[in-house]
Amino acid sequence: MIRDPKDLQRYTPQERANHWVVGISFILLALSGLAFFHPAFFPLTYLFGGGTWARILHPYIGVFMAFFFVLMFLRFRMLNVMTKTDKEWLSRVGEMIDGDDHNMPEQGKYNGGQKAMFWAAVVCMALLVVSGALIWRAQFSPPIGLVRFGAVVHSVAAVAMIALIVIHAYAAIWVKGTIRAMWYGTVTRAWAKQHHRAWYREMTGK
């Protein structure tokens, strides 16, 4: 892909690598987790070498993803602090969904929707880690009541996280020019000016 040298850098190689490690880990966790959730999905365990291996690998992949998610959180937390402008953006999100985003409030590097999704993912991840530890019987031995409660919380948080990732992926595809930011690290100036004008001004001084 030929890129204009005037394109703006949106993500560094390290940030992109961090994102893809978390994303791929989550896909593996979702597939193995669904296999445990309902018998209809059990054939998914064959992707991991069978039911036993899927059960062994799932929590370790979870620890791996959680570690890199924490790194991603530390990288992006300050950029995702909600402002009054973000709340106004969220109150007018209907215009964005209708495809008319030209009069939306000017946004920084991330808009209100992206920030809301970021914090929702943080909450889901925290619930998944804590509940996952409760039901990881090979490493911990909490009371059976806590194990059962942890299983319910883990399932609900996992479903919510899957929904968030689906929305995240759909939005990236829907807003043309977004995916290249995570593939190549850059976006066009026209894209930045239309979707994140405050960030565009910051990057270009215009």
Protein backbone atom coordinates (compact mmCIF):
# COMPACT_ATOMS: atom_id res chain seq x y z
CA MET A 1 0.00 0.00 0.00
CA ILE A 2 1.42 3.38 -1.06
CA ARG A 3 1.11 5.93 1.73
CA ASP A 4 1.39 9.69 1.58
CA PRO A 5 4.44 10.94 3.55
CA LYS A 6 2.16 13.63 4.95
CA ASP A 7 -0.03 11.03 6.67
CA LEU A 8 -0.27 11.34 10.44
CA GLN A 9 1.10 8.70 12.79
CA ARG A 10 -1.70 7.41 15.00
CA TYR A 11 -0.01 4.39 16.58
CA THR A 12 3.59 3.37 17.15
CA PRO A 13 4.77 -0.17 16.27
CA GLN A 14 4.80 -1.03 19.99
CA GLU A 15 1.20 0.14 20.43
CA ARG A 16 0.05 -1.85 17.41
CA ALA A 17 1.87 -4.98 18.61
CA ASN A 18 0.28 -4.59 22.04
CA HIS A 19 -3.17 -4.28 20.46
CA TRP A 20 -2.77 -7.37 18.26
CA VAL A 21 -1.39 -9.51 21.09
CA VAL A 22 -4.44 -8.67 23.20
CA GLY A 23 -6.79 -9.13 20.25
CA ILE A 24 -5.45 -12.53 19.18
CA SER A 25 -5.34 -13.72 22.80
CA PHE A 26 -8.96 -12.70 23.25
CA ILE A 27 -10.04 -14.62 20.14
CA LEU A 28 -8.36 -17.76 21.51
CA LEU A 29 -10.03 -17.23 24.88
CA ALA A 30 -13.44 -16.63 23.31
CA LEU A 31 -13.21 -19.81 21.22
CA SER A 32 -12.07 -22.01 24.11
CA GLY A 33 -14.47 -20.34 26.54
CA LEU A 34 -17.47 -20.89 24.26
CA ALA A 35 -16.49 -24.57 24.05
CA PHE A 36 -16.96 -24.82 27.83
CA PHE A 37 -20.09 -22.69 27.84
CA HIS A 38 -22.35 -24.99 25.81
CA PRO A 39 -22.02 -28.52 24.37
CA ALA A 40 -22.88 -27.21 20.90
CA PHE A 41 -19.57 -25.34 20.88
CA PHE A 42 -17.49 -28.23 22.24
CA PRO A 43 -15.97 -29.04 18.80
CA LEU A 44 -14.05 -25.77 19.13
CA THR A 45 -11.80 -27.55 21.61
CA TYR A 46 -10.25 -29.44 18.69
CA LEU A 47 -8.54 -26.17 17.74
CA PHE A 48 -6.54 -26.55 20.96
CA GLY A 49 -5.88 -30.28 20.77
CA GLY A 50 -9.02 -31.47 22.52
CA GLY A 51 -11.03 -30.74 25.65
CA THR A 52 -8.24 -31.41 28.13
CA TRP A 53 -5.75 -29.15 26.41
CA ALA A 54 -8.34 -26.43 25.93
CA ARG A 55 -9.09 -26.55 29.67
CA ILE A 56 -5.38 -26.38 30.51
CA LEU A 57 -4.51 -23.58 28.07
CA HIS A 58 -7.53 -21.30 28.65
CA PRO A 59 -6.49 -19.83 32.03
CA TYR A 60 -2.84 -19.44 31.01
CA ILE A 61 -3.84 -17.58 27.85
CA GLY A 62 -6.05 -15.47 30.11
CA VAL A 63 -3.12 -14.52 32.33
CA PHE A 64 -1.06 -13.74 29.22
CA MET A 65 -3.79 -11.48 27.79
CA ALA A 66 -4.40 -9.77 31.13
CA PHE A 67 -0.70 -8.84 31.37
CA PHE A 68 -0.68 -7.20 27.95
CA PHE A 69 -4.08 -5.61 28.58
CA VAL A 70 -2.61 -3.90 31.64
CA LEU A 71 0.22 -2.57 29.47
CA MET A 72 -2.34 -1.27 26.99
CA PHE A 73 -4.34 0.30 29.80
CA LEU A 74 -1.25 2.12 31.07
CA ARG A 75 -0.49 3.35 27.54
CA PHE A 76 -3.94 4.73 26.80
CA ARG A 77 -5.67 5.51 30.10
CA MET A 78 -4.95 9.25 30.07
CA LEU A 79 -6.11 9.58 26.46
CA ASN A 80 -9.45 8.06 27.46
CA VAL A 81 -10.41 10.39 30.29
CA MET A 82 -13.99 11.54 29.67
CA THR A 83 -14.62 15.26 29.09
CA LYS A 84 -17.75 17.39 28.68
CA THR A 85 -17.20 17.33 24.93
CA ASP A 86 -17.15 13.53 24.99
CA LYS A 87 -20.44 13.44 26.87
CA GLU A 88 -21.96 15.83 24.33
CA TRP A 89 -20.68 13.56 21.55
CA LEU A 90 -22.36 10.57 23.19
CA SER A 91 -25.64 12.48 23.56
CA ARG A 92 -25.61 13.07 19.79
CA VAL A 93 -24.34 9.65 18.74
CA GLY A 94 -27.54 9.14 16.73
CA GLU A 95 -26.24 11.61 14.16
CA MET A 96 -23.05 9.57 13.87
CA ILE A 97 -25.00 6.36 13.38
CA ASP A 98 -27.06 8.04 10.66
CA GLY A 99 -23.81 8.79 8.84
CA ASP A 100 -23.84 12.54 9.44
CA ASP A 101 -20.80 13.26 11.59
CA HIS A 102 -19.83 16.60 10.08
CA ASN A 103 -21.43 18.63 12.87
CA MET A 104 -20.40 16.42 15.76
CA PRO A 105 -18.38 18.06 18.58
CA GLU A 106 -14.65 18.18 17.81
CA GLN A 107 -12.88 15.16 19.27
CA GLY A 108 -9.34 14.47 20.39
CA LYS A 109 -7.50 11.26 19.57
CA TYR A 110 -10.52 9.26 20.76
CA ASN A 111 -14.20 10.15 20.65
CA GLY A 112 -16.75 9.62 23.39
CA GLY A 113 -17.84 6.25 22.04
CA GLN A 114 -14.29 4.91 21.93
CA LYS A 115 -13.65 6.12 25.46
CA ALA A 116 -16.85 4.55 26.77
CA MET A 117 -15.85 1.26 25.14
CA PHE A 118 -12.35 1.49 26.62
CA TRP A 119 -13.65 1.82 30.19
CA ALA A 120 -16.30 -0.86 29.65
CA ALA A 121 -13.52 -3.21 28.48
CA VAL A 122 -11.47 -2.33 31.58
CA VAL A 123 -14.40 -3.24 33.85
CA CYS A 124 -15.03 -6.49 31.96
CA MET A 125 -11.36 -7.42 32.09
CA ALA A 126 -11.20 -6.80 35.84
CA LEU A 127 -14.25 -9.01 36.37
CA LEU A 128 -12.82 -11.73 34.12
CA VAL A 129 -9.50 -11.78 35.98
CA VAL A 130 -11.01 -11.89 39.47
CA SER A 131 -13.73 -14.41 38.60
CA GLY A 132 -11.28 -16.46 36.55
CA ALA A 133 -9.00 -16.78 39.57
CA LEU A 134 -11.94 -17.99 41.67
CA ILE A 135 -12.78 -20.82 39.26
CA TRP A 136 -9.19 -21.83 38.42
CA ARG A 137 -9.36 -24.90 40.63
CA ALA A 138 -5.91 -26.16 39.61
CA GLN A 139 -4.27 -23.16 41.29
CA PHE A 140 -6.81 -22.00 43.90
CA SER A 141 -9.26 -23.67 46.27
CA PRO A 142 -11.91 -21.12 47.30
CA PRO A 143 -15.24 -22.21 48.86
CA ILE A 144 -17.58 -23.87 46.37
CA GLY A 145 -20.06 -21.00 46.75
CA LEU A 146 -17.46 -18.53 45.52
CA VAL A 147 -16.53 -20.87 42.67
CA ARG A 148 -20.14 -20.96 41.51
CA PHE A 149 -20.52 -17.20 41.87
CA GLY A 150 -17.25 -16.70 39.97
CA ALA A 151 -18.47 -18.95 37.15
CA VAL A 152 -21.62 -16.84 36.71
CA VAL A 153 -19.68 -13.55 36.80
CA HIS A 154 -17.07 -14.94 34.40
CA SER A 155 -19.73 -16.01 31.91
CA VAL A 156 -21.60 -12.69 32.02
CA ALA A 157 -18.40 -10.64 31.75
CA ALA A 158 -17.18 -12.82 28.87
CA VAL A 159 -20.42 -12.34 26.90
CA ALA A 160 -20.23 -8.58 27.51
CA MET A 161 -16.58 -8.52 26.40
CA ILE A 162 -17.37 -10.47 23.22
CA ALA A 163 -20.16 -7.98 22.44
CA LEU A 164 -17.76 -5.05 22.98
CA ILE A 165 -15.14 -6.56 20.67
CA VAL A 166 -17.75 -7.23 17.96
CA ILE A 167 -18.89 -3.59 18.16
CA HIS A 168 -15.26 -2.44 18.16
CA ALA A 169 -14.47 -4.47 15.03
CA TYR A 170 -17.67 -3.38 13.27
CA ALA A 171 -17.00 0.30 13.99
CA ALA A 172 -13.45 -0.02 12.66
CA ILE A 173 -14.75 -1.51 9.42
CA TRP A 174 -17.67 0.92 9.19
CA VAL A 175 -15.53 4.06 9.47
CA LYS A 176 -13.45 3.82 6.32
CA GLY A 177 -9.74 4.41 6.88
CA THR A 178 -9.72 3.27 10.51
CA ILE A 179 -8.30 -0.23 10.09
CA ARG A 180 -5.17 1.01 8.30
CA ALA A 181 -4.27 2.86 11.51
CA MET A 182 -3.77 -0.43 13.32
CA TRP A 183 -2.16 -2.14 10.31
CA TYR A 184 0.26 0.58 9.29
CA GLY A 185 0.11 3.06 12.17
CA THR A 186 -0.94 6.03 10.04
CA VAL A 187 -4.11 7.80 8.89
CA THR A 188 -4.70 10.37 6.19
CA ARG A 189 -5.01 14.01 7.14
CA ALA A 190 -8.50 14.06 5.63
CA TRP A 191 -9.55 11.18 7.90
CA ALA A 192 -8.12 12.86 10.98
CA LYS A 193 -9.72 16.19 10.14
CA GLN A 194 -13.16 14.66 9.66
CA HIS A 195 -13.27 12.22 12.58
CA HIS A 196 -10.88 13.66 15.19
CA ARG A 197 -10.50 17.33 14.38
CA ALA A 198 -9.08 18.41 17.74
CA TRP A 199 -6.38 15.73 17.42
CA TYR A 200 -5.77 16.86 13.83
CA ARG A 201 -5.20 20.42 15.04
CA GLU A 202 -2.84 19.18 17.73
CA MET A 203 -0.81 17.10 15.26
CA THR A 204 -0.62 19.69 12.49
CA GLY A 205 -0.83 22.98 14.38
CA LYS A 206 -3.68 24.08 12.10
